[in-house]
N, C-alpha and C. Protein backbone atom coordinates (compact mmCIF):
# COMPACT_ATOMS: atom_id res chain seq x y z
N MET A 1 68.20 82.80 109.73
CA MET A 1 69.28 83.73 109.97
C MET A 1 70.07 83.28 111.19
N SER A 2 71.37 83.18 111.05
CA SER A 2 72.18 82.75 112.18
C SER A 2 72.42 83.92 113.13
N ALA A 3 72.69 83.58 114.38
CA ALA A 3 72.93 84.61 115.39
C ALA A 3 74.37 85.09 115.26
N HIS A 4 74.55 86.16 114.47
CA HIS A 4 75.90 86.73 114.36
C HIS A 4 75.81 88.24 114.33
N CYS A 5 76.90 88.87 114.77
CA CYS A 5 76.98 90.32 114.86
C CYS A 5 77.54 90.88 113.56
N GLN A 6 76.90 91.93 113.05
CA GLN A 6 77.36 92.51 111.79
C GLN A 6 78.65 93.30 111.97
N LEU A 7 78.91 93.84 113.14
CA LEU A 7 80.09 94.67 113.35
C LEU A 7 81.30 93.85 113.77
N THR A 8 81.16 93.02 114.79
CA THR A 8 82.31 92.28 115.31
C THR A 8 82.45 90.89 114.71
N GLY A 9 81.38 90.39 114.10
CA GLY A 9 81.43 89.05 113.52
C GLY A 9 81.27 87.95 114.55
N ALA A 10 80.82 88.28 115.76
CA ALA A 10 80.66 87.28 116.82
C ALA A 10 79.61 86.26 116.39
N ARG A 11 79.94 84.99 116.53
CA ARG A 11 79.06 83.89 116.18
C ARG A 11 78.96 82.94 117.37
N PRO A 12 78.00 82.03 117.34
CA PRO A 12 77.90 81.08 118.46
C PRO A 12 79.16 80.21 118.58
N GLY A 13 79.52 79.94 119.83
CA GLY A 13 80.59 79.01 120.11
C GLY A 13 79.97 77.68 120.53
N PHE A 14 80.71 76.60 120.41
CA PHE A 14 80.18 75.29 120.74
C PHE A 14 81.07 74.62 121.77
N GLY A 15 80.45 73.83 122.60
CA GLY A 15 81.19 73.13 123.64
C GLY A 15 80.36 71.98 124.16
N ASN A 16 80.68 71.56 125.38
CA ASN A 16 79.99 70.44 125.99
C ASN A 16 79.35 70.85 127.30
N ARG A 17 78.16 70.34 127.54
CA ARG A 17 77.50 70.45 128.83
C ARG A 17 77.94 69.22 129.61
N ILE A 18 78.49 69.39 130.79
CA ILE A 18 79.02 68.26 131.55
C ILE A 18 78.17 68.08 132.80
N SER A 19 77.57 66.91 132.92
CA SER A 19 76.69 66.62 134.06
C SER A 19 77.52 66.23 135.28
N HIS A 20 76.83 66.03 136.39
CA HIS A 20 77.50 65.63 137.63
C HIS A 20 78.22 64.29 137.45
N SER A 21 77.62 63.39 136.65
CA SER A 21 78.26 62.09 136.40
C SER A 21 79.32 62.18 135.30
N HIS A 22 79.57 63.38 134.82
CA HIS A 22 80.59 63.69 133.80
C HIS A 22 80.22 63.19 132.41
N ARG A 23 78.93 63.02 132.14
CA ARG A 23 78.50 62.72 130.77
C ARG A 23 78.51 64.03 129.99
N ARG A 24 78.89 63.96 128.75
CA ARG A 24 79.01 65.17 127.94
C ARG A 24 77.95 65.18 126.83
N THR A 25 77.28 66.32 126.71
CA THR A 25 76.34 66.53 125.61
C THR A 25 76.65 67.88 124.99
N SER A 26 76.30 68.04 123.74
CA SER A 26 76.64 69.28 123.02
C SER A 26 75.82 70.45 123.55
N ARG A 27 76.44 71.61 123.55
CA ARG A 27 75.73 72.84 123.87
C ARG A 27 76.27 73.97 123.01
N ARG A 28 75.60 75.10 123.08
CA ARG A 28 75.92 76.23 122.22
C ARG A 28 75.99 77.48 123.07
N PHE A 29 77.02 78.30 122.89
CA PHE A 29 77.18 79.57 123.59
C PHE A 29 76.79 80.67 122.60
N ASP A 30 75.59 81.21 122.74
CA ASP A 30 75.12 82.24 121.81
C ASP A 30 75.58 83.62 122.26
N PRO A 31 76.00 84.48 121.32
CA PRO A 31 76.31 85.86 121.68
C PRO A 31 75.03 86.63 122.00
N ASN A 32 75.16 87.70 122.76
CA ASN A 32 74.01 88.52 123.16
C ASN A 32 73.65 89.44 121.99
N ILE A 33 72.81 88.95 121.08
CA ILE A 33 72.47 89.66 119.84
C ILE A 33 71.24 90.53 120.05
N GLN A 34 71.32 91.78 119.61
CA GLN A 34 70.22 92.74 119.70
C GLN A 34 70.01 93.37 118.32
N LYS A 35 68.78 93.75 118.04
CA LYS A 35 68.50 94.52 116.81
C LYS A 35 68.37 95.98 117.21
N LYS A 36 69.17 96.83 116.58
CA LYS A 36 69.17 98.26 116.90
C LYS A 36 68.94 99.06 115.63
N ARG A 37 68.20 100.14 115.77
CA ARG A 37 67.92 101.03 114.64
C ARG A 37 68.65 102.34 114.86
N TYR A 38 69.44 102.75 113.88
CA TYR A 38 70.24 103.97 113.98
C TYR A 38 69.90 104.89 112.81
N TRP A 39 70.03 106.18 113.04
CA TRP A 39 69.84 107.18 112.00
C TRP A 39 71.19 107.49 111.38
N LEU A 40 71.30 107.29 110.07
CA LEU A 40 72.51 107.63 109.32
C LEU A 40 72.33 109.03 108.76
N VAL A 41 73.05 109.98 109.31
CA VAL A 41 72.91 111.38 108.89
C VAL A 41 73.41 111.55 107.46
N GLY A 42 74.53 110.91 107.12
CA GLY A 42 75.13 111.05 105.79
C GLY A 42 74.22 110.57 104.67
N GLU A 43 73.40 109.56 104.94
CA GLU A 43 72.53 109.00 103.92
C GLU A 43 71.08 109.42 104.09
N GLY A 44 70.76 110.06 105.22
CA GLY A 44 69.40 110.53 105.46
C GLY A 44 68.39 109.42 105.62
N ARG A 45 68.77 108.32 106.25
CA ARG A 45 67.87 107.19 106.42
C ARG A 45 68.23 106.42 107.69
N HIS A 46 67.29 105.57 108.11
CA HIS A 46 67.54 104.68 109.24
C HIS A 46 68.15 103.38 108.73
N VAL A 47 68.99 102.76 109.57
CA VAL A 47 69.49 101.41 109.29
C VAL A 47 69.20 100.55 110.50
N ARG A 48 68.81 99.31 110.26
CA ARG A 48 68.58 98.36 111.35
C ARG A 48 69.74 97.37 111.33
N LEU A 49 70.48 97.32 112.42
CA LEU A 49 71.65 96.46 112.50
C LEU A 49 71.43 95.36 113.53
N THR A 50 72.02 94.21 113.28
CA THR A 50 72.01 93.10 114.23
C THR A 50 73.37 93.11 114.90
N LEU A 51 73.40 93.52 116.16
CA LEU A 51 74.66 93.74 116.87
C LEU A 51 74.70 92.97 118.18
N SER A 52 75.91 92.61 118.60
CA SER A 52 76.09 92.07 119.94
C SER A 52 76.09 93.23 120.93
N ALA A 53 75.93 92.92 122.21
CA ALA A 53 75.91 93.96 123.23
C ALA A 53 77.24 94.72 123.25
N LYS A 54 78.33 94.02 123.01
CA LYS A 54 79.65 94.67 122.95
C LYS A 54 79.73 95.63 121.77
N ALA A 55 79.15 95.25 120.64
CA ALA A 55 79.18 96.10 119.45
C ALA A 55 78.33 97.35 119.63
N VAL A 56 77.23 97.26 120.40
CA VAL A 56 76.41 98.44 120.68
C VAL A 56 77.24 99.48 121.42
N LYS A 57 78.06 99.02 122.37
CA LYS A 57 78.95 99.93 123.10
C LYS A 57 80.02 100.51 122.18
N THR A 58 80.49 99.70 121.22
CA THR A 58 81.47 100.17 120.26
C THR A 58 80.89 101.27 119.37
N VAL A 59 79.64 101.09 118.94
CA VAL A 59 78.97 102.11 118.11
C VAL A 59 78.83 103.40 118.91
N ASP A 60 78.50 103.30 120.20
CA ASP A 60 78.39 104.48 121.04
C ASP A 60 79.73 105.21 121.14
N ALA A 61 80.82 104.47 121.13
CA ALA A 61 82.15 105.07 121.28
C ALA A 61 82.66 105.69 119.97
N ILE A 62 82.52 104.96 118.84
CA ILE A 62 83.12 105.43 117.59
C ILE A 62 82.15 106.17 116.69
N GLY A 63 80.85 106.02 116.92
CA GLY A 63 79.85 106.67 116.08
C GLY A 63 79.31 105.73 115.03
N ILE A 64 78.09 106.01 114.59
CA ILE A 64 77.42 105.12 113.66
C ILE A 64 78.04 105.16 112.26
N GLU A 65 78.53 106.33 111.84
CA GLU A 65 79.13 106.43 110.49
C GLU A 65 80.37 105.55 110.39
N ALA A 66 81.25 105.60 111.41
CA ALA A 66 82.46 104.78 111.40
C ALA A 66 82.11 103.30 111.52
N ALA A 67 81.08 102.99 112.29
CA ALA A 67 80.67 101.60 112.45
C ALA A 67 80.14 101.03 111.14
N VAL A 68 79.34 101.81 110.43
CA VAL A 68 78.81 101.35 109.14
C VAL A 68 79.94 101.18 108.13
N ALA A 69 80.95 102.05 108.20
CA ALA A 69 82.11 101.91 107.31
C ALA A 69 82.84 100.60 107.59
N ARG A 70 82.98 100.24 108.88
CA ARG A 70 83.62 98.97 109.24
C ARG A 70 82.80 97.78 108.77
N ILE A 71 81.47 97.87 108.90
CA ILE A 71 80.61 96.78 108.46
C ILE A 71 80.73 96.59 106.97
N ARG A 72 80.75 97.68 106.23
CA ARG A 72 80.88 97.58 104.76
C ARG A 72 82.25 97.07 104.38
N ALA A 73 83.29 97.41 105.14
CA ALA A 73 84.63 96.90 104.86
C ALA A 73 84.71 95.38 105.05
N ARG A 74 83.89 94.84 105.96
CA ARG A 74 83.82 93.39 106.17
C ARG A 74 83.06 92.69 105.06
N GLY A 75 82.38 93.46 104.21
CA GLY A 75 81.63 92.88 103.09
C GLY A 75 80.16 92.67 103.39
N GLU A 76 79.69 93.14 104.54
CA GLU A 76 78.26 93.02 104.89
C GLU A 76 77.47 94.11 104.18
N LYS A 77 76.24 93.83 103.88
CA LYS A 77 75.36 94.80 103.24
C LYS A 77 74.60 95.57 104.32
N VAL A 78 74.52 96.89 104.17
CA VAL A 78 73.79 97.73 105.14
C VAL A 78 72.66 98.43 104.43
């Protein structure tokens, strides 16, 4: 499973690690991915989502029902 957020779609970014001598090697910038469990009142069940830290704050602001609607609109399965 790749490190990606179900709500925002954040995925790892790629770049170069640059040493003191200016040699470049590949590196990866991973998003801060967390697994969170939420209670969906409308469906009467828990859902476990893989979210970035920014998306957890978004869920707190807009609510879990609206967040799940956005995830389903992106084509992700919940």
